[in-house]
Protein backbone atom coordinates (compact mmCIF):
# COMPACT_ATOMS: atom_id res chain seq x y z
CA MET A 1 -3.67 -27.02 10.64
CA TRP A 2 -2.47 -26.73 14.24
CA LYS A 3 0.10 -29.44 13.56
CA LEU A 4 1.49 -27.28 10.75
CA PHE A 5 1.86 -24.40 13.20
CA LYS A 6 3.69 -26.83 15.47
CA HIS A 7 6.15 -27.51 12.67
CA LEU A 8 6.55 -23.77 12.15
CA GLY A 9 7.41 -23.48 15.84
CA GLU A 10 10.52 -25.51 15.16
CA HIS A 11 11.77 -22.68 12.92
CA LYS A 12 10.99 -19.70 15.16
CA ALA A 13 14.05 -17.64 14.23
CA ALA A 14 13.39 -17.93 10.48
CA VAL A 15 9.67 -17.17 10.88
CA LEU A 16 10.40 -14.12 13.07
CA LEU A 17 12.89 -12.80 10.53
CA ILE A 18 10.37 -13.36 7.71
CA ILE A 19 7.73 -11.40 9.65
CA LEU A 20 10.15 -8.50 10.19
CA LEU A 21 11.06 -8.46 6.50
CA LEU A 22 7.39 -8.54 5.49
CA VAL A 23 6.61 -5.66 7.86
CA GLY A 24 9.39 -3.65 6.26
CA GLN A 25 8.16 -4.54 2.79
CA ALA A 26 4.58 -3.56 3.67
CA TYR A 27 5.76 -0.24 5.14
CA CYS A 28 7.66 0.63 1.95
CA ASP A 29 4.73 -0.46 -0.20
CA LEU A 30 2.29 1.72 1.76
CA ALA A 31 4.64 4.72 1.81
CA LEU A 32 5.18 4.90 -1.96
CA PRO A 33 1.68 6.19 -2.90
CA SER A 34 2.06 9.16 -0.54
CA TYR A 35 5.26 10.14 -2.37
CA THR A 36 3.39 9.82 -5.67
CA SER A 37 0.78 12.18 -4.25
CA ASP A 38 3.50 14.66 -3.26
CA ILE A 39 5.00 14.58 -6.76
CA VAL A 40 1.62 15.39 -8.32
CA ASP A 41 0.49 18.00 -5.80
CA VAL A 42 3.74 19.64 -4.70
CA GLY A 43 6.21 18.80 -7.46
CA ILE A 44 3.96 19.52 -10.45
CA GLN A 45 1.08 21.73 -9.30
CA GLN A 46 2.97 23.79 -6.68
CA GLY A 47 6.29 23.95 -8.51
CA GLY A 48 8.20 22.15 -5.76
CA ILE A 49 7.12 24.57 -3.00
CA GLU A 50 5.84 22.37 -0.18
CA ASN A 51 4.18 24.91 2.14
CA ALA A 52 3.85 28.56 3.13
CA VAL A 53 7.25 28.58 4.84
CA PRO A 54 9.81 29.89 2.30
CA GLU A 55 13.41 28.74 2.35
CA ARG A 56 14.46 32.38 2.12
CA MET A 57 12.89 35.83 1.77
CA ARG A 58 13.89 39.47 1.67
CA GLU A 59 14.04 41.50 4.88
CA GLU A 60 11.35 43.94 3.69
CA THR A 61 9.04 41.02 2.85
CA PHE A 62 9.52 39.54 6.33
CA ASP A 63 8.82 42.94 7.92
CA SER A 64 5.66 43.34 5.83
CA LEU A 65 4.39 39.88 6.78
CA SER A 66 5.13 40.51 10.45
CA LEU A 67 2.58 43.35 10.42
CA PHE A 68 -0.17 40.73 10.24
CA MET A 69 1.35 38.36 12.80
CA THR A 70 0.93 38.28 16.57
CA GLU A 71 3.94 38.80 18.82
CA ASP A 72 4.20 35.06 19.53
CA GLU A 73 4.02 34.23 15.82
CA LYS A 74 6.60 36.90 15.04
CA ASN A 75 9.01 35.62 17.70
CA GLU A 76 8.65 32.04 16.48
CA ALA A 77 9.34 33.16 12.92
CA LEU A 78 12.43 35.12 14.01
CA GLN A 79 13.80 32.03 15.77
CA ALA A 80 13.34 29.94 12.61
CA TYR A 81 15.22 32.39 10.34
CA ASP A 82 18.69 33.90 10.26
CA LEU A 83 19.26 37.37 8.73
CA LYS A 84 22.25 37.55 6.38
CA ASP A 85 22.90 40.51 4.03
CA GLY A 86 19.24 41.54 3.98
CA ILE A 87 17.98 37.99 3.37
CA TYR A 88 16.19 35.82 5.92
CA GLU A 89 17.22 32.15 5.51
CA ARG A 90 15.36 29.33 7.24
CA ASN A 91 17.49 27.51 9.79
CA THR A 92 15.20 24.62 10.72
CA SER A 93 13.65 21.59 9.03
CA ASP A 94 11.76 20.33 12.08
CA LYS A 95 8.34 19.16 10.92
CA GLU A 96 6.39 20.44 13.94
CA THR A 97 8.03 23.86 13.72
CA ILE A 98 7.33 24.11 9.99
CA ASP A 99 3.70 23.07 10.53
CA ARG A 100 3.26 25.90 13.04
CA LEU A 101 5.04 28.40 10.77
CA ASN A 102 2.83 27.27 7.88
CA LYS A 103 -0.21 28.48 9.82
CA ASP A 104 1.61 31.63 10.97
CA PHE A 105 2.67 32.69 7.45
CA GLY A 106 -0.38 31.50 5.49
CA MET A 107 -2.96 34.18 6.27
CA PRO A 108 -0.44 37.09 6.37
CA MET A 109 0.68 36.10 2.84
CA VAL A 110 -2.96 36.12 1.66
CA ILE A 111 -3.56 39.55 3.21
CA LEU A 112 -0.30 41.02 1.88
CA SER A 113 -1.03 39.63 -1.60
CA SER A 114 -4.46 41.28 -1.60
CA ILE A 115 -2.94 44.61 -0.50
CA GLN A 116 -0.27 44.45 -3.22
CA GLU A 117 -2.88 43.58 -5.84
CA SER A 118 -4.90 46.64 -4.78
CA GLY A 119 -1.87 48.86 -5.46
CA GLN A 120 -1.12 49.72 -1.82
CA THR A 121 2.65 49.45 -1.32
CA ASP A 122 3.28 51.97 1.51
CA MET A 123 3.92 49.52 4.35
CA ALA A 124 5.05 52.28 6.71
CA GLY A 125 1.75 54.10 6.25
CA LEU A 126 -0.14 50.86 6.70
CA LYS A 127 1.73 50.20 9.94
CA GLU A 128 0.87 53.66 11.26
CA MET A 129 -2.79 53.16 10.32
CA MET A 130 -2.94 49.84 12.17
CA ALA A 131 -1.35 51.42 15.24
CA ALA A 132 -3.79 54.32 15.10
CA LYS A 133 -6.75 51.95 15.02
CA GLY A 134 -5.35 50.08 18.01
CA ILE A 135 -5.14 46.70 16.28
CA ASP A 136 -3.54 44.42 18.86
CA ASP A 137 -2.97 40.63 18.84
CA THR A 138 -6.55 39.85 19.88
CA LYS A 139 -8.10 41.98 17.12
CA LEU A 140 -5.61 40.59 14.62
CA GLN A 141 -6.64 37.01 15.45
CA GLU A 142 -10.31 37.96 15.10
CA MET A 143 -9.61 39.53 11.70
CA LYS A 144 -7.85 36.37 10.52
CA LYS A 145 -10.67 34.18 11.76
CA GLN A 146 -13.26 36.35 10.03
CA ALA A 147 -11.28 36.24 6.78
CA ALA A 148 -11.08 32.43 6.95
CA GLU A 149 -14.84 32.19 7.56
CA GLU A 150 -15.51 34.38 4.52
CA MET A 151 -13.50 31.95 2.39
CA GLY A 152 -15.83 29.12 3.47
CA ASP A 153 -15.01 25.40 3.40
CA MET A 154 -12.20 25.96 0.89
CA SER A 155 -10.27 28.33 3.20
CA ASP A 156 -7.29 25.98 3.64
CA SER A 157 -7.04 25.36 -0.10
CA ILE A 158 -7.31 29.07 -0.95
CA ILE A 159 -4.71 30.06 1.67
CA THR A 160 -2.29 27.40 0.38
CA GLN A 161 -2.70 28.46 -3.25
CA LYS A 162 -2.28 32.16 -2.44
CA ALA A 163 0.76 31.47 -0.26
CA ILE A 164 2.43 29.36 -2.98
CA LEU A 165 1.89 32.16 -5.54
CA PHE A 166 3.29 34.68 -3.04
CA ILE A 167 6.42 32.57 -2.45
CA LYS A 168 6.93 32.08 -6.20
CA ALA A 169 6.78 35.84 -6.71
CA GLU A 170 9.23 36.35 -3.83
CA TYR A 171 11.68 33.79 -5.27
CA GLU A 172 11.51 35.48 -8.67
CA ALA A 173 12.12 38.88 -7.07
CA MET A 174 15.24 37.42 -5.42
CA GLY A 175 16.47 36.07 -8.77
CA MET A 176 15.96 32.39 -7.93
CA ASP A 177 15.24 29.94 -10.78
CA LEU A 178 11.81 28.37 -10.15
CA ASN A 179 12.64 25.50 -12.51
CA ASP A 180 15.61 24.59 -10.30
CA VAL A 181 13.35 24.66 -7.21
CA GLN A 182 10.87 22.33 -8.91
CA MET A 183 13.52 19.94 -10.26
CA ASN A 184 15.30 19.76 -6.91
CA TYR A 185 12.06 18.71 -5.23
CA LEU A 186 11.20 16.17 -7.93
CA LEU A 187 14.67 14.64 -7.86
CA SER A 188 14.82 14.44 -4.05
CA THR A 189 11.34 12.87 -3.85
CA GLY A 190 12.17 10.49 -6.71
CA ALA A 191 15.38 9.46 -4.92
CA LYS A 192 13.37 8.66 -1.77
CA MET A 193 10.94 6.56 -3.82
CA LEU A 194 13.83 4.73 -5.48
CA GLY A 195 15.38 4.01 -2.08
CA LEU A 196 12.08 2.64 -0.73
CA THR A 197 11.67 0.51 -3.86
CA LEU A 198 15.15 -0.98 -3.47
CA LEU A 199 14.48 -1.72 0.22
CA MET A 200 11.15 -3.31 -0.65
CA MET A 201 12.78 -5.43 -3.35
CA ALA A 202 15.55 -6.58 -1.01
CA ALA A 203 13.02 -7.45 1.72
CA ALA A 204 10.85 -9.37 -0.78
CA ILE A 205 13.83 -11.39 -2.06
CA LEU A 206 15.08 -12.26 1.42
CA ALA A 207 11.57 -13.12 2.64
CA GLY A 208 11.02 -15.35 -0.41
CA LEU A 209 14.35 -17.10 0.11
CA LEU A 210 13.73 -17.75 3.81
CA SER A 211 10.13 -18.85 3.13
CA SER A 212 11.27 -21.35 0.51
CA ARG A 213 14.01 -22.76 2.74
CA THR A 214 11.69 -23.02 5.75
CA ALA A 215 8.91 -24.67 3.73
CA ALA A 216 11.41 -27.10 2.16
CA LYS A 217 12.69 -28.13 5.60
CA ILE A 218 9.13 -28.66 6.87
CA GLY A 219 8.36 -30.73 3.75
CA MET A 220 11.46 -32.84 4.34
CA ASP A 221 10.47 -33.44 7.97
CA LEU A 222 6.92 -34.37 6.98
CA ARG A 223 8.08 -36.85 4.33
CA GLY A 224 10.39 -38.50 6.83
CA LYS A 225 7.68 -38.78 9.47
CA VAL A 226 5.06 -40.06 7.00
CA PHE A 227 7.49 -42.66 5.64
CA THR A 228 8.38 -43.83 9.16
CA LYS A 229 4.68 -44.09 10.00
CA VAL A 230 3.82 -45.99 6.80
CA VAL A 231 6.65 -48.48 7.35
CA SER A 232 5.19 -49.28 10.79
CA PHE A 233 1.73 -50.14 9.34
CA SER A 234 0.47 -53.70 9.45
CA SER A 235 -0.86 -55.52 6.36
CA ASN A 236 -4.46 -54.71 7.33
CA GLU A 237 -3.66 -51.01 7.69
CA LEU A 238 -1.88 -50.99 4.33
CA ASN A 239 -4.92 -52.61 2.70
CA LYS A 240 -7.21 -50.07 4.41
CA PHE A 241 -5.36 -47.06 2.98
CA SER A 242 -4.22 -48.67 -0.32
CA ILE A 243 -0.66 -48.42 -1.54
CA ALA A 244 -1.57 -45.86 -4.22
CA SER A 245 -3.15 -43.56 -1.67
CA LEU A 246 -0.13 -43.77 0.63
CA ILE A 247 2.21 -42.96 -2.27
CA THR A 248 0.10 -39.92 -3.11
CA ARG A 249 0.09 -38.78 0.52
CA SER A 250 3.84 -39.21 0.83
CA THR A 251 4.72 -37.34 -2.36
CA ASN A 252 2.15 -35.07 -4.03
CA ASP A 253 0.18 -34.14 -0.89
CA ILE A 254 3.28 -33.21 1.10
CA GLN A 255 4.51 -31.19 -1.86
CA GLN A 256 1.20 -29.31 -1.84
CA VAL A 257 1.54 -28.70 1.92
CA GLN A 258 5.06 -27.40 1.31
CA ASN A 259 3.79 -25.01 -1.37
CA VAL A 260 1.01 -23.81 0.94
CA MET A 261 3.52 -23.16 3.73
CA MET A 262 5.81 -21.25 1.36
CA MET A 263 2.97 -19.08 0.00
CA GLY A 264 1.54 -18.66 3.49
CA LEU A 265 4.80 -17.34 4.88
CA ARG A 266 5.18 -14.96 1.94
CA LEU A 267 1.58 -13.79 1.44
CA MET A 268 -0.72 -14.79 4.30
CA LEU A 269 1.48 -13.03 6.85
CA ARG A 270 1.79 -9.95 4.63
CA ALA A 271 -1.81 -9.66 3.40
CA PRO A 272 -3.46 -8.79 6.76
CA GLY A 273 -0.88 -6.10 7.43
CA MET A 274 -1.36 -4.63 3.97
CA LEU A 275 -5.15 -4.69 4.39
CA ILE A 276 -5.06 -2.91 7.76
CA GLY A 277 -2.40 -0.45 6.62
CA ALA A 278 -4.17 0.38 3.35
CA LEU A 279 -7.51 0.90 5.13
CA PHE A 280 -5.84 3.15 7.71
CA MET A 281 -4.15 5.24 5.00
CA ALA A 282 -7.38 5.41 2.98
CA PHE A 283 -9.37 6.70 5.98
CA TRP A 284 -6.56 9.08 6.87
CA MET A 285 -6.65 10.58 3.36
CA ASN A 286 -10.42 10.80 2.97
CA ALA A 287 -12.96 9.02 5.16
CA ARG A 288 -15.82 9.60 2.72
CA LEU A 289 -14.00 7.80 -0.10
CA ALA A 290 -12.89 4.99 2.22
CA VAL A 291 -16.54 4.04 2.84
CA ILE A 292 -16.62 2.69 -0.74
CA ILE A 293 -13.88 0.20 0.16
CA LEU A 294 -15.77 -0.89 3.28
CA ILE A 295 -18.79 -1.64 1.11
CA VAL A 296 -16.83 -3.65 -1.46
CA ILE A 297 -14.74 -5.77 0.96
CA PRO A 298 -17.68 -7.77 2.47
CA LEU A 299 -19.17 -8.36 -1.00
CA LEU A 300 -15.83 -9.57 -2.36
CA THR A 301 -15.26 -11.78 0.71
CA ALA A 302 -18.70 -13.38 0.30
CA ALA A 303 -18.09 -14.03 -3.41
CA ILE A 304 -14.70 -15.70 -2.80
CA ALA A 305 -16.07 -17.74 0.11
CA THR A 306 -18.88 -19.02 -2.15
CA ILE A 307 -16.39 -19.99 -4.85
CA LEU A 308 -14.20 -21.88 -2.38
CA LYS A 309 -17.20 -23.62 -0.84
CA LEU A 310 -18.23 -24.92 -4.27
CA ALA A 311 -14.66 -25.88 -5.21
CA PHE A 312 -13.64 -27.95 -2.15
CA PRO A 313 -15.98 -30.94 -2.78
CA ARG A 314 -14.75 -31.13 -6.38
CA PHE A 315 -11.13 -31.24 -5.25
CA GLU A 316 -11.96 -34.12 -2.89
CA ILE A 317 -13.43 -36.05 -5.83
CA MET A 318 -10.35 -35.21 -7.91
CA GLN A 319 -8.08 -36.52 -5.13
CA LYS A 320 -9.94 -39.86 -5.05
CA LYS A 321 -9.66 -40.23 -8.82
CA LEU A 322 -5.95 -39.43 -8.61
CA ASP A 323 -5.57 -42.25 -6.08
CA ARG A 324 -7.48 -44.56 -8.44
CA LEU A 325 -5.15 -43.66 -11.32
CA ASN A 326 -2.05 -44.23 -9.21
CA ASN A 327 -3.46 -47.57 -8.06
CA GLY A 328 -4.07 -48.63 -11.68
CA ILE A 329 -0.53 -47.69 -12.70
CA GLN A 330 0.91 -49.60 -9.75
CA GLU A 331 -1.10 -52.74 -10.63
CA VAL A 332 0.09 -52.67 -14.25
CA LEU A 333 3.74 -52.14 -13.33
CA THR A 334 3.64 -54.83 -10.65
CA ASN A 335 1.99 -57.37 -12.94
CA VAL A 336 3.47 -56.30 -16.25
CA ARG A 337 4.64 -59.84 -17.10
CA VAL A 338 1.19 -61.29 -16.44
CA VAL A 339 -0.39 -58.60 -18.63
CA LYS A 340 1.96 -59.45 -21.48
CA SER A 341 1.51 -63.18 -21.01
CA PHE A 342 -2.27 -62.93 -21.42
CA VAL A 343 -1.99 -60.26 -24.16
CA ARG A 344 -3.93 -57.67 -22.13
CA GLU A 345 -2.00 -54.60 -23.27
CA ASP A 346 -4.90 -53.13 -25.25
CA TYR A 347 -7.31 -53.66 -22.37
CA GLU A 348 -4.96 -52.02 -19.85
CA CYS A 349 -4.30 -49.09 -22.21
CA LYS A 350 -8.04 -48.58 -22.65
CA LYS A 351 -8.56 -48.83 -18.89
CA PHE A 352 -5.79 -46.28 -18.23
CA LYS A 353 -7.18 -43.95 -20.88
CA GLU A 354 -10.62 -44.01 -19.24
CA MET A 355 -9.18 -43.33 -15.76
CA ASN A 356 -6.99 -40.55 -17.15
CA ALA A 357 -9.92 -38.92 -18.95
CA ASP A 358 -12.05 -39.24 -15.80
CA LEU A 359 -9.33 -37.48 -13.77
CA LYS A 360 -9.06 -34.76 -16.41
CA GLU A 361 -12.79 -34.08 -16.28
CA SER A 362 -12.75 -33.91 -12.48
CA SER A 363 -9.78 -31.53 -12.55
CA LEU A 364 -11.47 -29.28 -15.11
CA LYS A 365 -14.69 -29.16 -13.06
CA ALA A 366 -12.72 -28.07 -10.00
CA MET A 367 -10.53 -25.59 -11.87
CA ARG A 368 -13.44 -23.98 -13.73
CA ILE A 369 -14.77 -22.77 -10.40
CA VAL A 370 -11.41 -21.72 -8.93
CA ILE A 371 -10.42 -19.66 -11.98
CA ALA A 372 -13.51 -17.51 -11.40
CA THR A 373 -11.73 -16.04 -8.35
CA MET A 374 -9.45 -13.73 -10.34
CA PRO A 375 -12.17 -12.29 -12.65
CA VAL A 376 -14.40 -11.64 -9.62
CA MET A 377 -11.54 -9.87 -7.83
CA MET A 378 -10.64 -7.81 -10.90
CA LEU A 379 -14.28 -6.86 -11.43
CA ALA A 380 -14.57 -5.72 -7.80
CA MET A 381 -11.31 -3.74 -8.00
CA ASN A 382 -12.23 -2.03 -11.28
CA VAL A 383 -15.75 -1.16 -10.12
CA THR A 384 -14.25 0.23 -6.89
CA THR A 385 -11.69 2.27 -8.87
CA VAL A 386 -14.41 3.74 -11.10
CA ALA A 387 -16.53 4.64 -8.05
CA VAL A 388 -13.54 6.17 -6.24
CA VAL A 389 -12.45 8.23 -9.27
CA TRP A 390 -16.01 9.48 -9.90
CA TYR A 391 -16.74 10.38 -6.27
CA GLY A 392 -13.20 11.63 -5.66
CA GLY A 393 -13.41 13.83 -8.75
CA ASN A 394 -16.50 15.51 -7.33
CA ILE A 395 -14.69 16.06 -4.01
CA ILE A 396 -11.73 17.61 -5.88
CA ILE A 397 -14.07 19.94 -7.75
CA GLY A 398 -15.50 20.98 -4.39
CA GLY A 399 -11.99 21.70 -3.09
CA GLY A 400 -12.06 18.97 -0.43
CA MET A 401 -9.24 16.87 -1.83
CA ALA A 402 -6.04 17.23 -3.86
CA VAL A 403 -5.45 15.47 -7.17
CA GLY A 404 -2.37 13.68 -5.83
CA ASP A 405 -4.32 12.33 -2.87
CA LEU A 406 -6.84 10.74 -5.25
CA THR A 407 -3.96 9.16 -7.20
CA ALA A 408 -2.56 7.68 -3.98
CA PHE A 409 -6.03 6.60 -2.83
CA THR A 410 -6.64 4.52 -5.98
CA THR A 411 -3.31 2.76 -5.31
CA TYR A 412 -4.43 1.82 -1.80
C-alpha cells in the first residue's frame, strides 16, 4: 500500500488538483440540502419572506413599531432604512445587520399585531400612555423578556410566524403582489441551486478525468516495472512463480490496482470529507436527531467489516484457481501439436471445462458475500430514514424544528 502512495507522489500536481476539485464538489453537495430546506420553509410556508426585516414598510408602520423598540434598536433600524415618499426602504443586505434587525423587529411586530387585533389603533394615545407610565428602555426589555417567557419553548417559532403574517399584511396594504414576492424568492433560490449543481457536475467530470489519467499512468509504470523485473528472473525464479501466475500479475492484477487507484482518487478522498461535513451539518441542524446517525454508523461499519473479512479468503482462493486456469491454457497452446498428435483434444477440453467450472464456483462463493454489502447498506439507510422521520416529526409537532430542516436532514 505504501508503495502505491509512493507512485502517487510522482503525480503530486494532479493529485492536489483532484483533492481541490473534490473539496469543491463536496461543498456544493452539502450546500444543496440547505437550499431545499429554504425552499420548503421560506419559499412555500412563509411566502418568500425570509425574516422579520421587511424590504419596505410605510412610515406610520415604522413609527408604530419604534414605540416598542429601545433607542439603540431604533437607531440601528433607522440606519438600515431610507425614507422616500413616506416609504422606508431597506438599504442593506449584510447578514449580521439583518440578524440583529430580525431580533429588533420580531417582538415589536408581535406586540403591534396583538394591539391591532384588539381593535386599538390610536398609536398617539398609546405613546402618551407609555410615556405617562414611565416605560423606558429597561422596562421595555423586561416586558419583551416576560412576553417571550410566556410563549414558552416555542417563543422563536411564534415570533417568526407572527412577524411573517405582519409583513404580509403590510405588503398587501402597500399594494405589493405577494405572489411576485414568493416567485422571486423561489426563482432566485432555484437559480443558486442550479449554479451549485453545474459547479458540482463540472468538478466531478474534471476529477474523474484527472483520476482516470493518473491511474492509467500509474498502471503503465507498474506494468513496465513488473515486466523489467520478470525479464531479470532466473529459470529457478520463473519456475517458483509459474509463468501463468506472472502473466496474471502483469496484466489482470495491475489492471485491478489501476481501477482501485482510480476509484480511490475519486471516492476514497471524497468520502471522508462528505462524512465529516454531513455529520457537522446534521448536528448543526438538530443534535437530537444526529444521535441516530451516530448509533447507526458503528453498526454499519461492523457489518461491512465482517462481510469483507469473510470475503478476502475466498478471493485468495479464486486468484489461485485463476492462475491454475491460465497455466492450463498456456500448456495447451504451447503443446498444441503434441495434443493433436496423440488425439488428446477431448481430454484437454474436459480438463479445461473442469478448471473453468471450479473457477466459476469460487468466484460465485466470493461474490455472494460481497453483494450483501449493498443490501446491508440500504437496510441501514432506510431504517435510519424511518427513525429520523418519525422522531423528527415529533420534534416538528413540538415546534422544535422546521419541516424544511427535516427534509435537508434526511438528505444528509
